[in-house]
């Protein structure tokens, strides 16, 4: 159950963008305390991770770093975002891939219909 809560935090990477205009990787944004916050969905990264770890469960940690953390870092670099500090406990691979897959599907569907 703990992994599901961590997934929601990790899936939605909150970040602040510089003033320059550029193509966006995110589609949800809001303002808080005069600062624009963008949510960067990582559904595709999690889908790729889930598929890979289903085939190679013994490589769970390495696959998580490659697919999920790699995608997060790529977006931060590409968009020149300033990521909020995330405790390392939120950046751990899931031990329950079945629940992770269900949660990822649920979040994708919830966000896309909002």
C-alpha atoms as a PDB file:
ATOM      1  CA  UNK A   1       0.000   0.000   0.000  1.00  0.00           C
ATOM      2  CA  UNK A   2       2.910   2.312   0.807  1.00  0.00           C
ATOM      3  CA  UNK A   3       4.161   1.926  -2.773  1.00  0.00           C
ATOM      4  CA  UNK A   4       0.863   3.193  -4.168  1.00  0.00           C
ATOM      5  CA  UNK A   5       1.154   6.460  -2.248  1.00  0.00           C
ATOM      6  CA  UNK A   6       4.768   6.829  -3.335  1.00  0.00           C
ATOM      7  CA  UNK A   7       3.709   6.243  -6.936  1.00  0.00           C
ATOM      8  CA  UNK A   8       1.271   9.139  -6.854  1.00  0.00           C
ATOM      9  CA  UNK A   9       3.993  11.450  -5.607  1.00  0.00           C
ATOM     10  CA  UNK A  10       6.586  10.192  -8.064  1.00  0.00           C
ATOM     11  CA  UNK A  11       4.213  10.123 -11.026  1.00  0.00           C
ATOM     12  CA  UNK A  12       3.430  13.758 -10.612  1.00  0.00           C
ATOM     13  CA  UNK A  13       6.671  15.664 -10.598  1.00  0.00           C
ATOM     14  CA  UNK A  14       6.042  19.208  -9.452  1.00  0.00           C
ATOM     15  CA  UNK A  15       8.394  21.776 -10.869  1.00  0.00           C
ATOM     16  CA  UNK A  16       8.916  25.455 -11.557  1.00  0.00           C
ATOM     17  CA  UNK A  17       9.748  26.657 -15.044  1.00  0.00           C
ATOM     18  CA  UNK A  18      11.962  29.543 -16.125  1.00  0.00           C
ATOM     19  CA  UNK A  19      10.360  32.522 -17.864  1.00  0.00           C
ATOM     20  CA  UNK A  20      11.459  31.555 -21.406  1.00  0.00           C
ATOM     21  CA  UNK A  21       8.835  29.913 -23.635  1.00  0.00           C
ATOM     22  CA  UNK A  22       9.540  26.397 -24.841  1.00  0.00           C
ATOM     23  CA  UNK A  23       7.579  23.285 -25.830  1.00  0.00           C
ATOM     24  CA  UNK A  24       5.901  21.759 -22.787  1.00  0.00           C
ATOM     25  CA  UNK A  25       6.198  18.170 -21.607  1.00  0.00           C
ATOM     26  CA  UNK A  26       3.576  18.785 -18.931  1.00  0.00           C
ATOM     27  CA  UNK A  27      -0.129  19.461 -19.278  1.00  0.00           C
ATOM     28  CA  UNK A  28      -1.240  20.367 -15.761  1.00  0.00           C
ATOM     29  CA  UNK A  29      -0.213  23.587 -14.082  1.00  0.00           C
ATOM     30  CA  UNK A  30      -1.390  25.899 -11.317  1.00  0.00           C
ATOM     31  CA  UNK A  31      -0.150  28.854  -9.302  1.00  0.00           C
ATOM     32  CA  UNK A  32       0.715  28.671  -5.620  1.00  0.00           C
ATOM     33  CA  UNK A  33       2.102  31.604  -3.645  1.00  0.00           C
ATOM     34  CA  UNK A  34       2.832  33.530  -6.876  1.00  0.00           C
ATOM     35  CA  UNK A  35       4.830  30.629  -8.298  1.00  0.00           C
ATOM     36  CA  UNK A  36       3.708  28.614 -11.325  1.00  0.00           C
ATOM     37  CA  UNK A  37       3.755  24.871 -10.639  1.00  0.00           C
ATOM     38  CA  UNK A  38       3.761  22.290 -13.460  1.00  0.00           C
ATOM     39  CA  UNK A  39       2.908  18.622 -13.015  1.00  0.00           C
ATOM     40  CA  UNK A  40       4.932  16.373 -15.299  1.00  0.00           C
ATOM     41  CA  UNK A  41       3.171  13.045 -15.852  1.00  0.00           C
ATOM     42  CA  UNK A  42       5.463  10.031 -16.077  1.00  0.00           C
ATOM     43  CA  UNK A  43       2.851   7.467 -17.128  1.00  0.00           C
ATOM     44  CA  UNK A  44       4.795   6.289 -20.188  1.00  0.00           C
ATOM     45  CA  UNK A  45       7.946   5.861 -18.094  1.00  0.00           C
ATOM     46  CA  UNK A  46       6.018   3.774 -15.565  1.00  0.00           C
ATOM     47  CA  UNK A  47       4.404   1.703 -18.337  1.00  0.00           C
ATOM     48  CA  UNK A  48       7.868   0.961 -19.753  1.00  0.00           C
ATOM     49  CA  UNK A  49       9.187   0.113 -16.289  1.00  0.00           C
ATOM     50  CA  UNK A  50       6.224  -2.179 -15.540  1.00  0.00           C
ATOM     51  CA  UNK A  51       6.708  -4.063 -18.827  1.00  0.00           C
ATOM     52  CA  UNK A  52      10.458  -4.431 -18.311  1.00  0.00           C
ATOM     53  CA  UNK A  53      10.263  -5.518 -14.667  1.00  0.00           C
ATOM     54  CA  UNK A  54       7.529  -8.036 -15.509  1.00  0.00           C
ATOM     55  CA  UNK A  55      10.056  -9.748 -17.785  1.00  0.00           C
ATOM     56  CA  UNK A  56      13.093  -9.302 -15.504  1.00  0.00           C
ATOM     57  CA  UNK A  57      11.932  -8.990 -11.863  1.00  0.00           C
ATOM     58  CA  UNK A  58      15.450  -9.618 -10.566  1.00  0.00           C
ATOM     59  CA  UNK A  59      16.548  -6.295 -12.125  1.00  0.00           C
ATOM     60  CA  UNK A  60      13.827  -4.238 -10.428  1.00  0.00           C
ATOM     61  CA  UNK A  61      16.034  -1.479  -9.005  1.00  0.00           C
ATOM     62  CA  UNK A  62      18.151  -1.019 -12.144  1.00  0.00           C
ATOM     63  CA  UNK A  63      15.047  -0.944 -14.370  1.00  0.00           C
ATOM     64  CA  UNK A  64      13.362   1.610 -12.089  1.00  0.00           C
ATOM     65  CA  UNK A  65      16.409   3.869 -12.304  1.00  0.00           C
ATOM     66  CA  UNK A  66      16.620   3.448 -16.071  1.00  0.00           C
ATOM     67  CA  UNK A  67      12.960   3.983 -16.969  1.00  0.00           C
ATOM     68  CA  UNK A  68      11.402   6.113 -14.236  1.00  0.00           C
ATOM     69  CA  UNK A  69      14.223   8.140 -12.720  1.00  0.00           C
ATOM     70  CA  UNK A  70      15.891   8.450 -16.130  1.00  0.00           C
ATOM     71  CA  UNK A  71      12.692   9.860 -17.663  1.00  0.00           C
ATOM     72  CA  UNK A  72      12.208  12.255 -14.741  1.00  0.00           C
ATOM     73  CA  UNK A  73      15.774  13.548 -15.060  1.00  0.00           C
ATOM     74  CA  UNK A  74      15.442  13.875 -18.849  1.00  0.00           C
ATOM     75  CA  UNK A  75      12.339  16.062 -18.464  1.00  0.00           C
ATOM     76  CA  UNK A  76      14.028  18.209 -15.828  1.00  0.00           C
ATOM     77  CA  UNK A  77      17.008  18.735 -18.130  1.00  0.00           C
ATOM     78  CA  UNK A  78      15.004  19.222 -21.347  1.00  0.00           C
ATOM     79  CA  UNK A  79      12.543  21.686 -19.840  1.00  0.00           C
ATOM     80  CA  UNK A  80      15.187  23.349 -17.656  1.00  0.00           C
ATOM     81  CA  UNK A  81      12.990  22.821 -14.625  1.00  0.00           C
ATOM     82  CA  UNK A  82      13.843  23.249 -11.013  1.00  0.00           C
ATOM     83  CA  UNK A  83      12.576  20.080  -9.366  1.00  0.00           C
ATOM     84  CA  UNK A  84      11.267  20.078  -5.840  1.00  0.00           C
ATOM     85  CA  UNK A  85      13.440  18.022  -3.493  1.00  0.00           C
ATOM     86  CA  UNK A  86      11.960  14.551  -3.126  1.00  0.00           C
ATOM     87  CA  UNK A  87      12.967  12.310  -0.226  1.00  0.00           C
ATOM     88  CA  UNK A  88      14.807   9.238  -1.495  1.00  0.00           C
ATOM     89  CA  UNK A  89      12.105   7.000  -0.017  1.00  0.00           C
ATOM     90  CA  UNK A  90       9.791   8.238  -2.808  1.00  0.00           C
ATOM     91  CA  UNK A  91      12.290   7.209  -5.459  1.00  0.00           C
ATOM     92  CA  UNK A  92      12.280   3.482  -4.734  1.00  0.00           C
ATOM     93  CA  UNK A  93      11.082   0.737  -7.078  1.00  0.00           C
ATOM     94  CA  UNK A  94       7.782  -0.912  -6.316  1.00  0.00           C
ATOM     95  CA  UNK A  95       7.632  -4.354  -4.787  1.00  0.00           C
ATOM     96  CA  UNK A  96       4.097  -4.917  -6.063  1.00  0.00           C
ATOM     97  CA  UNK A  97       4.047  -4.510  -9.833  1.00  0.00           C
ATOM     98  CA  UNK A  98       0.408  -5.619 -10.165  1.00  0.00           C
ATOM     99  CA  UNK A  99      -0.835  -2.815  -7.878  1.00  0.00           C
ATOM    100  CA  UNK A 100       1.545  -0.357  -9.523  1.00  0.00           C
ATOM    101  CA  UNK A 101       0.117  -1.189 -12.939  1.00  0.00           C
ATOM    102  CA  UNK A 102      -3.457  -0.712 -11.660  1.00  0.00           C
ATOM    103  CA  UNK A 103      -2.583   2.622 -10.021  1.00  0.00           C
ATOM    104  CA  UNK A 104      -0.759   3.904 -13.110  1.00  0.00           C
ATOM    105  CA  UNK A 105      -3.758   3.023 -15.312  1.00  0.00           C
ATOM    106  CA  UNK A 106      -6.151   4.648 -12.842  1.00  0.00           C
ATOM    107  CA  UNK A 107      -4.105   7.868 -12.676  1.00  0.00           C
ATOM    108  CA  UNK A 108      -3.749   8.055 -16.480  1.00  0.00           C
ATOM    109  CA  UNK A 109      -7.500   7.685 -16.893  1.00  0.00           C
ATOM    110  CA  UNK A 110      -8.326  10.136 -14.114  1.00  0.00           C
ATOM    111  CA  UNK A 111      -6.005  12.853 -15.402  1.00  0.00           C
ATOM    112  CA  UNK A 112      -6.960  12.409 -19.068  1.00  0.00           C
ATOM    113  CA  UNK A 113     -10.665  12.801 -18.288  1.00  0.00           C
ATOM    114  CA  UNK A 114     -10.226  15.892 -16.084  1.00  0.00           C
END
